[in-house]
Protein backbone atom coordinates (compact mmCIF):
# COMPACT_ATOMS: atom_id res chain seq x y z
CA MET A 1 52.56 -22.77 -57.08
CA GLU A 2 53.74 -19.19 -56.66
CA GLU A 3 50.17 -17.95 -56.19
CA LYS A 4 49.65 -20.49 -53.38
CA LEU A 5 52.77 -19.26 -51.57
CA PHE A 6 51.69 -15.65 -51.96
CA ARG A 7 48.26 -16.49 -50.50
CA LYS A 8 49.90 -18.19 -47.51
CA TYR A 9 52.15 -15.16 -47.02
CA ILE A 10 49.15 -12.78 -47.06
CA ILE A 11 47.31 -14.92 -44.52
CA LEU A 12 50.38 -14.98 -42.27
CA TRP A 13 50.86 -11.21 -42.63
CA LEU A 14 47.21 -10.47 -41.83
CA SER A 15 47.19 -12.74 -38.79
CA GLN A 16 50.39 -11.18 -37.46
CA SER A 17 48.94 -7.70 -37.99
CA ILE A 18 45.79 -8.59 -36.07
CA SER A 19 47.87 -10.14 -33.29
CA GLY A 20 50.04 -7.02 -33.04
CA LEU A 21 46.98 -4.79 -32.90
CA GLY A 22 45.52 -6.92 -30.11
CA SER A 23 48.77 -6.77 -28.14
CA PHE A 24 48.91 -2.99 -28.53
CA MET A 25 45.31 -2.61 -27.36
CA THR A 26 45.97 -4.82 -24.32
CA GLY A 27 49.03 -2.79 -23.38
CA PHE A 28 47.12 0.46 -23.73
CA ALA A 29 44.25 -0.89 -21.61
CA LEU A 30 46.70 -1.98 -18.90
CA ILE A 31 48.19 1.51 -18.78
CA LEU A 32 44.72 3.05 -18.42
CA TRP A 33 43.85 0.52 -15.72
CA ALA A 34 47.06 1.27 -13.78
CA TYR A 35 46.28 4.98 -13.83
CA GLY A 36 42.68 4.38 -12.80
CA GLN A 37 43.75 2.24 -9.85
CA SER A 38 46.53 4.42 -8.49
CA ARG A 39 46.24 7.91 -10.04
CA SER A 40 50.03 7.89 -10.10
CA ALA A 41 52.30 8.79 -13.01
CA MET A 42 54.96 6.49 -11.56
CA SER A 43 52.73 3.41 -11.82
CA VAL A 44 51.84 4.32 -15.41
CA SER A 45 55.53 4.68 -16.23
CA LEU A 46 56.37 1.33 -14.66
CA MET A 47 53.46 -0.36 -16.43
CA SER A 48 54.60 1.09 -19.76
CA PHE A 49 58.16 0.01 -19.12
CA CYS A 50 57.19 -3.54 -18.13
CA ASN A 51 54.82 -3.80 -21.07
CA TYR A 52 57.24 -2.76 -23.82
CA VAL A 53 60.65 -3.99 -22.59
CA PRO A 54 60.09 -7.72 -23.29
CA GLY A 55 59.45 -6.94 -26.94
CA TYR A 56 62.75 -5.13 -27.27
CA ALA A 57 64.82 -7.43 -25.07
CA VAL A 58 65.20 -9.87 -27.96
CA LEU A 59 67.00 -7.30 -30.09
């Protein structure tokens, strides 16, 4: 029984880790895209702010 729960926990942990990595890569790509479109540090700052604030708003 305990081994089954541990296996489920590992699967959940791995899937959350992959999801977090994908979210990070998407945010990074959006920042690069914003800079490529505007060549402006202000747009990169705003994109970074808008990308990371929703994750911390829950705290």
